[in-house]
Amino acid sequence: METLKRNIAIVCGGDSSEHDVSMRSAQGIYSFFDKERYNVYVVDVKGRDWKVNLPDGNTVSVDRSDFSCMIDGKLVVFDYAYITIHGTPGENGVMQGYFELLHIPYSTSGVLVEAMTFDKYVLNHYLRGWGVNVAKSLLIRRGEESKYTEEYIEKEIGMPCFVKPAADGSSFGVSKVKNADQLAPALRVAFMESDEVMIESLLEGTEISIGCYKTKKKSVVFPATEVVTSNEFFDYDAKYNGQVQEITPARIDPETARRVAEETSRIYDILHCNGIIRIDYIISKDTEGNDVINMLEINTTPGMTATSFIPQQVRAAGLDIKEVLSDIVENQFV
């Protein structure tokens, strides 16, 4: 008797500035999936226009009432959603709420966790209560800019600092501010991406990024990647246009690497995450020269092109990305 394959929808696109980046991640994930085990489809979501991109270049519309489509006269109902939207609505809990209503399992964490990890300011303050080291920060909402003088910001946060959208999926709208005169233009750029902007103190040290996923049977923390860029910081060009050196595993002390892996696993459990997450850290030094692990942010839909951090780390761990994805999918059905 022939075993029926699950229909997997790789949900990509979205409504943020990262639509095209998400489409590249979708192509990566599509290439990684085990086609012998699953029927895999790419579902491009943009506003109210949801469509399946077929291999022949044609598209068919998705029925949003039950997340299905008609292909060659046959009804295709999706059994599972692998979400790789960077930004809204796939990284902030909106898409997760839709799938919850339809009782369709999906690859990311739940609505609350997605909403929290998408809002950098909320996440940092929540995890600080669990003893996670994070940078000092200040939140400014649209229309309230006049409440905070440049002198106050410089006194509270210090210079240099970062100005970034509080709720956004990538490095769009992020500026490194070296003096108070640069604050106003940096705020304008950040407010183009989000209604809330976070001003964050500068942490100096080695930047690393590390992935993790867990199932009912296993806990996997990948080797960390060290991020080296000649840019002012790990900005959009560094991330996506090759202006960066990525070293996996990271060149950090073995004991520090162990502590980073342990902290990553702990944060995963604190938030009760699902699927693959990637956490970015800065490893700084204390007054005695000891390594201090500082969390920067959590990415719950990390980039998944062949050259992205997670596939690099999977290879460095000696694992097969095809099996990793199958692990994540099947964990929802056992």
Protein backbone atom coordinates (compact mmCIF):
# COMPACT_ATOMS: atom_id res chain seq x y z
CA MET A 1 0.00 0.00 0.00
CA GLU A 2 1.41 3.38 -1.03
CA THR A 3 2.19 5.73 1.82
CA LEU A 4 0.63 9.16 1.34
CA LYS A 5 3.09 12.03 1.41
CA ARG A 6 2.45 15.07 3.56
CA ASN A 7 1.85 18.29 1.65
CA ILE A 8 4.33 20.90 2.90
CA ALA A 9 3.81 24.60 2.21
CA ILE A 10 6.92 26.76 2.39
CA VAL A 11 5.28 30.04 3.34
CA CYS A 12 7.37 32.98 2.17
CA GLY A 13 7.27 36.56 0.94
CA GLY A 14 5.47 38.77 3.41
CA ASP A 15 4.82 42.49 3.62
CA SER A 16 8.13 43.83 4.94
CA SER A 17 11.24 45.15 3.19
CA GLU A 18 12.60 41.61 3.32
CA HIS A 19 10.15 40.06 0.85
CA ASP A 20 12.86 39.21 -1.68
CA VAL A 21 15.19 37.84 1.00
CA SER A 22 12.37 35.57 2.17
CA MET A 23 11.88 34.30 -1.38
CA ARG A 24 15.55 33.33 -1.53
CA SER A 25 15.22 31.48 1.79
CA ALA A 26 12.19 29.65 0.39
CA GLN A 27 14.19 28.44 -2.59
CA GLY A 28 16.90 27.22 -0.23
CA ILE A 29 14.42 25.34 1.94
CA TYR A 30 12.71 23.88 -1.13
CA SER A 31 16.07 22.50 -2.29
CA PHE A 32 16.78 21.03 1.16
CA PHE A 33 13.47 19.21 1.70
CA ASP A 34 13.22 15.45 1.17
CA LYS A 35 11.06 15.22 -1.98
CA GLU A 36 10.85 11.44 -1.65
CA ARG A 37 9.06 11.94 1.65
CA TYR A 38 7.05 15.13 1.08
CA ASN A 39 5.15 17.01 -1.59
CA VAL A 40 6.68 20.49 -1.28
CA TYR A 41 5.11 23.74 -2.52
CA VAL A 42 6.23 27.37 -2.34
CA VAL A 43 3.44 29.67 -1.14
CA ASP A 44 4.12 33.36 -1.77
CA VAL A 45 2.19 35.60 0.62
CA LYS A 46 1.92 39.34 -0.01
CA GLY A 47 -0.99 41.25 1.48
CA ARG A 48 -4.22 39.49 0.41
CA ASP A 49 -2.51 37.93 -2.60
CA TRP A 50 -1.57 34.34 -1.68
CA LYS A 51 -0.38 32.10 -4.47
CA VAL A 52 1.50 28.86 -5.05
CA ASN A 53 4.50 29.26 -7.33
CA LEU A 54 4.54 26.19 -9.58
CA PRO A 55 7.75 24.72 -11.07
CA ASP A 56 6.64 25.65 -14.61
CA GLY A 57 6.48 29.35 -13.69
CA ASN A 58 2.70 29.50 -13.38
CA THR A 59 0.84 30.31 -10.17
CA VAL A 60 -2.42 29.24 -8.57
CA SER A 61 -4.37 31.07 -5.90
CA VAL A 62 -4.57 29.84 -2.32
CA ASP A 63 -7.97 29.54 -0.67
CA ARG A 64 -7.34 31.29 2.63
CA SER A 65 -10.49 29.81 4.20
CA ASP A 66 -8.83 26.40 4.56
CA PHE A 67 -5.28 26.94 3.21
CA SER A 68 -5.73 24.84 0.07
CA CYS A 69 -5.41 25.23 -3.68
CA MET A 70 -6.36 23.54 -6.94
CA ILE A 71 -3.49 22.20 -9.07
CA ASP A 72 -4.26 20.46 -12.37
CA GLY A 73 -7.87 19.99 -11.30
CA LYS A 74 -6.93 18.34 -8.01
CA LEU A 75 -7.49 19.77 -4.55
CA VAL A 76 -4.28 20.16 -2.55
CA VAL A 77 -4.77 20.67 1.19
CA PHE A 78 -1.60 21.59 3.03
CA ASP A 79 -0.72 19.48 6.07
CA TYR A 80 2.12 21.61 7.38
CA ALA A 81 3.44 25.17 7.00
CA TYR A 82 7.16 25.85 7.02
CA ILE A 83 7.21 29.60 7.64
CA THR A 84 10.18 31.49 6.25
CA ILE A 85 8.75 35.00 6.10
CA HIS A 86 11.26 37.49 7.52
CA GLY A 87 9.24 40.28 9.12
CA THR A 88 5.48 40.71 9.10
CA PRO A 89 3.24 38.68 9.00
CA GLY A 90 5.36 35.56 9.48
CA GLU A 91 7.72 36.57 12.25
CA ASN A 92 5.41 38.51 14.57
CA GLY A 93 2.67 36.00 15.40
CA VAL A 94 0.11 37.05 12.79
CA MET A 95 0.60 34.09 10.45
CA GLN A 96 0.90 31.76 13.42
CA GLY A 97 -2.53 32.89 14.64
CA TYR A 98 -3.99 32.07 11.23
CA PHE A 99 -2.59 28.54 11.31
CA GLU A 100 -3.75 28.08 14.90
CA LEU A 101 -7.31 28.88 13.80
CA LEU A 102 -7.08 26.27 11.05
CA HIS A 103 -5.34 23.71 13.31
CA ILE A 104 -2.46 23.39 10.85
CA PRO A 105 0.94 22.66 12.42
CA TYR A 106 3.76 25.06 11.54
CA SER A 107 7.52 25.33 11.93
CA THR A 108 7.93 28.32 14.24
CA SER A 109 7.14 29.14 17.84
CA GLY A 110 3.63 30.12 18.87
CA VAL A 111 1.80 33.45 18.64
CA LEU A 112 3.03 34.94 21.93
CA VAL A 113 6.66 33.92 21.48
CA GLU A 114 6.73 35.20 17.90
CA ALA A 115 5.23 38.54 18.93
CA MET A 116 7.70 38.84 21.80
CA THR A 117 10.83 37.90 19.86
CA PHE A 118 9.80 40.27 17.05
CA ASP A 119 9.73 43.19 19.49
CA LYS A 120 13.39 43.55 20.47
CA TYR A 121 12.68 45.90 23.39
CA VAL A 122 10.04 43.66 24.96
CA LEU A 123 12.17 40.55 24.45
CA ASN A 124 15.27 42.09 26.03
CA HIS A 125 13.39 43.22 29.11
CA TYR A 126 11.64 39.88 29.49
CA LEU A 127 14.84 37.86 29.23
CA ARG A 128 16.71 40.24 31.52
CA GLY A 129 14.36 38.98 34.23
CA TRP A 130 15.74 35.49 33.60
CA GLY A 131 19.32 36.63 34.04
CA VAL A 132 20.19 37.02 30.37
CA ASN A 133 22.73 39.78 29.69
CA VAL A 134 21.38 42.38 27.25
CA ALA A 135 22.37 45.92 26.28
CA LYS A 136 20.82 48.93 27.99
CA SER A 137 18.02 50.32 25.84
CA LEU A 138 15.35 52.98 25.49
CA LEU A 139 12.05 52.80 23.57
CA ILE A 140 10.63 55.74 21.60
CA ARG A 141 7.19 55.53 20.03
CA ARG A 142 6.16 57.46 16.92
CA GLY A 143 4.93 60.92 17.91
CA GLU A 144 6.78 60.89 21.23
CA GLU A 145 10.21 61.88 19.92
CA SER A 146 10.01 65.30 21.59
CA LYS A 147 9.86 63.69 25.04
CA TYR A 148 13.49 62.60 24.75
CA THR A 149 16.23 65.18 24.28
CA GLU A 150 19.54 64.30 22.69
CA GLU A 151 21.24 65.10 25.99
CA TYR A 152 18.97 62.70 27.88
CA ILE A 153 19.57 59.89 25.39
CA GLU A 154 23.32 60.40 25.49
CA LYS A 155 23.30 60.39 29.30
CA GLU A 156 21.09 57.28 29.58
CA ILE A 157 22.44 55.15 26.75
CA GLY A 158 25.84 56.63 25.91
CA MET A 159 27.61 57.10 22.59
CA PRO A 160 28.13 55.39 20.23
CA CYS A 161 24.77 53.63 20.24
CA PHE A 162 22.44 51.84 17.84
CA VAL A 163 19.08 53.11 16.64
CA LYS A 164 16.91 50.33 15.26
CA PRO A 165 13.25 49.49 14.60
CA ALA A 166 11.93 47.80 17.73
CA ALA A 167 9.75 45.47 15.65
CA ASP A 168 11.35 44.40 12.41
CA GLY A 169 12.89 41.31 10.94
CA SER A 170 16.30 42.43 9.73
CA SER A 171 18.84 45.22 9.44
CA PHE A 172 16.65 47.63 7.51
CA GLY A 173 16.42 50.96 9.33
CA VAL A 174 19.36 50.28 11.67
CA SER A 175 21.96 53.00 12.23
CA LYS A 176 25.09 53.24 14.31
CA VAL A 177 25.07 56.68 15.92
CA LYS A 178 28.42 58.10 16.97
CA ASN A 179 27.28 61.48 18.30
CA ALA A 180 24.06 63.19 19.36
CA ASP A 181 23.78 65.14 16.07
CA GLN A 182 23.17 61.87 14.24
CA LEU A 183 20.21 60.83 16.41
CA ALA A 184 17.44 62.71 14.58
CA PRO A 185 18.24 61.38 11.08
CA ALA A 186 18.74 57.87 12.49
CA LEU A 187 15.32 58.02 14.16
CA ARG A 188 13.70 59.10 10.88
CA VAL A 189 15.23 56.10 9.08
CA ALA A 190 14.13 53.67 11.81
CA PHE A 191 10.57 55.04 11.91
CA MET A 192 10.25 54.22 8.21
CA GLU A 193 10.29 50.54 9.24
CA SER A 194 8.45 50.53 12.59
CA ASP A 195 6.19 52.65 14.80
CA GLU A 196 8.50 51.94 17.73
CA VAL A 197 12.25 52.54 17.77
CA MET A 198 14.80 51.18 20.21
CA ILE A 199 17.97 53.04 21.10
CA GLU A 200 20.51 50.56 22.39
CA SER A 201 23.93 50.96 23.97
CA LEU A 202 26.94 49.71 22.05
CA LEU A 203 28.41 46.39 23.09
CA GLU A 204 31.97 45.82 21.90
CA GLY A 205 33.47 42.40 21.35
CA THR A 206 33.19 39.35 19.11
CA GLU A 207 29.86 38.91 17.35
CA ILE A 208 28.61 35.35 16.96
CA SER A 209 25.40 33.70 15.83
CA ILE A 210 24.22 30.23 16.84
CA GLY A 211 21.28 28.04 15.85
CA CYS A 212 19.27 25.57 17.90
CA TYR A 213 16.29 23.26 17.52
CA LYS A 214 14.62 20.71 19.73
CA THR A 215 12.18 17.85 19.28
CA LYS A 216 10.53 15.53 21.74
CA LYS A 217 13.51 13.20 21.31
CA LYS A 218 16.54 15.46 20.96
CA SER A 219 18.11 18.84 21.68
CA VAL A 220 20.52 20.19 19.07
CA VAL A 221 22.69 23.30 19.38
CA PHE A 222 24.82 23.95 16.30
CA PRO A 223 28.40 25.26 16.28
CA ALA A 224 28.46 29.05 16.49
CA THR A 225 29.42 31.27 13.55
CA GLU A 226 31.74 34.22 14.10
CA VAL A 227 30.75 37.34 12.18
CA VAL A 228 33.58 39.58 10.97
CA THR A 229 32.79 42.63 8.85
CA SER A 230 34.67 45.78 7.88
CA ASN A 231 31.34 47.63 7.88
CA GLU A 232 30.33 49.69 10.88
CA PHE A 233 28.16 46.75 12.00
CA PHE A 234 26.50 43.61 10.64
CA ASP A 235 24.11 45.57 8.41
CA TYR A 236 22.02 44.57 5.39
CA ASP A 237 24.96 44.70 2.97
CA ALA A 238 27.05 42.57 5.31
CA LYS A 239 24.22 40.06 5.68
CA TYR A 240 23.10 39.71 2.11
CA ASN A 241 25.69 41.27 -0.20
CA GLY A 242 28.76 39.38 0.94
CA GLN A 243 30.45 42.18 2.89
CA VAL A 244 31.27 39.85 5.77
CA GLN A 245 33.50 36.99 6.77
CA GLU A 246 31.66 34.11 8.41
CA ILE A 247 33.76 31.62 10.38
CA THR A 248 32.15 28.37 11.58
CA PRO A 249 32.91 27.27 14.22
CA ALA A 250 33.63 30.62 15.84
CA ARG A 251 37.13 31.36 17.11
CA ILE A 252 36.18 31.61 20.76
CA ASP A 253 37.45 29.90 23.89
CA PRO A 254 36.09 26.32 24.14
CA GLU A 255 34.65 27.01 27.59
CA THR A 256 32.93 30.13 26.26
CA ALA A 257 31.57 28.10 23.33
CA ARG A 258 30.14 25.60 25.82
CA ARG A 259 28.52 28.39 27.85
CA VAL A 260 27.05 29.98 24.71
CA ALA A 261 25.51 26.65 23.68
CA GLU A 262 24.14 26.17 27.19
CA GLU A 263 22.68 29.69 27.27
CA THR A 264 21.11 29.20 23.84
CA SER A 265 19.45 25.97 24.97
CA ARG A 266 18.25 27.68 28.16
CA ILE A 267 16.70 30.60 26.26
CA TYR A 268 14.99 28.16 23.86
CA ASP A 269 13.38 26.47 26.88
CA ILE A 270 12.50 29.73 28.66
CA LEU A 271 10.53 30.87 25.61
CA HIS A 272 9.26 27.36 24.81
CA CYS A 273 10.36 27.78 21.20
CA ASN A 274 9.61 25.47 18.28
CA GLY A 275 11.62 24.74 15.15
CA ILE A 276 14.97 26.35 14.38
CA ILE A 277 15.90 29.61 16.05
CA ARG A 278 19.11 31.59 15.74
CA ILE A 279 20.44 33.78 18.53
CA ASP A 280 22.99 36.55 17.98
CA TYR A 281 25.44 37.42 20.75
CA ILE A 282 28.32 39.76 21.50
CA ILE A 283 31.12 38.22 23.54
CA SER A 284 32.63 41.10 25.52
CA LYS A 285 35.19 41.24 28.32
CA ASP A 286 34.66 42.19 31.96
CA THR A 287 37.17 44.21 33.99
CA GLU A 288 39.12 41.04 34.78
CA GLY A 289 39.32 39.92 31.15
CA ASN A 290 36.70 37.17 31.39
CA ASP A 291 34.28 36.51 28.53
CA VAL A 292 30.77 37.91 29.04
CA ILE A 293 27.91 36.55 26.90
CA ASN A 294 25.49 39.29 25.81
CA MET A 295 22.37 38.46 23.80
CA LEU A 296 21.60 40.77 20.89
CA GLU A 297 18.44 39.30 19.38
CA ILE A 298 16.59 36.12 18.47
CA ASN A 299 15.61 35.22 14.92
CA THR A 300 12.78 32.70 14.76
CA THR A 301 12.71 32.47 10.95
CA PRO A 302 16.44 32.54 10.15
CA GLY A 303 17.72 32.83 6.61
CA MET A 304 17.97 29.47 4.87
CA THR A 305 19.84 29.98 1.63
CA ALA A 306 22.74 27.60 1.01
CA THR A 307 25.17 30.20 2.38
CA SER A 308 23.08 31.34 5.37
CA PHE A 309 24.29 30.75 8.93
CA ILE A 310 22.03 27.79 9.74
CA PRO A 311 22.95 25.60 6.74
CA GLN A 312 26.62 26.44 7.41
CA GLN A 313 26.24 25.37 11.03
CA VAL A 314 24.36 22.20 10.12
CA ARG A 315 27.23 21.21 7.83
CA ALA A 316 29.81 22.07 10.52
CA ALA A 317 27.92 19.83 12.95
CA GLY A 318 28.17 16.95 10.47
CA LEU A 319 24.40 16.82 10.06
CA ASP A 320 22.18 16.60 6.97
CA ILE A 321 19.89 19.64 6.52
CA LYS A 322 17.33 17.34 4.84
CA GLU A 323 17.10 15.23 8.00
CA VAL A 324 16.97 18.32 10.22
CA LEU A 325 13.94 19.64 8.34
CA SER A 326 12.27 16.22 8.49
CA ASP A 327 12.92 16.13 12.26
CA ILE A 328 11.20 19.48 12.69
CA VAL A 329 8.17 18.53 10.58
CA GLU A 330 7.63 15.08 12.08
CA ASN A 331 7.95 16.41 15.63
CA GLN A 332 4.53 18.01 15.14
CA PHE A 333 2.90 14.69 14.30
CA VAL A 334 4.29 12.33 16.96
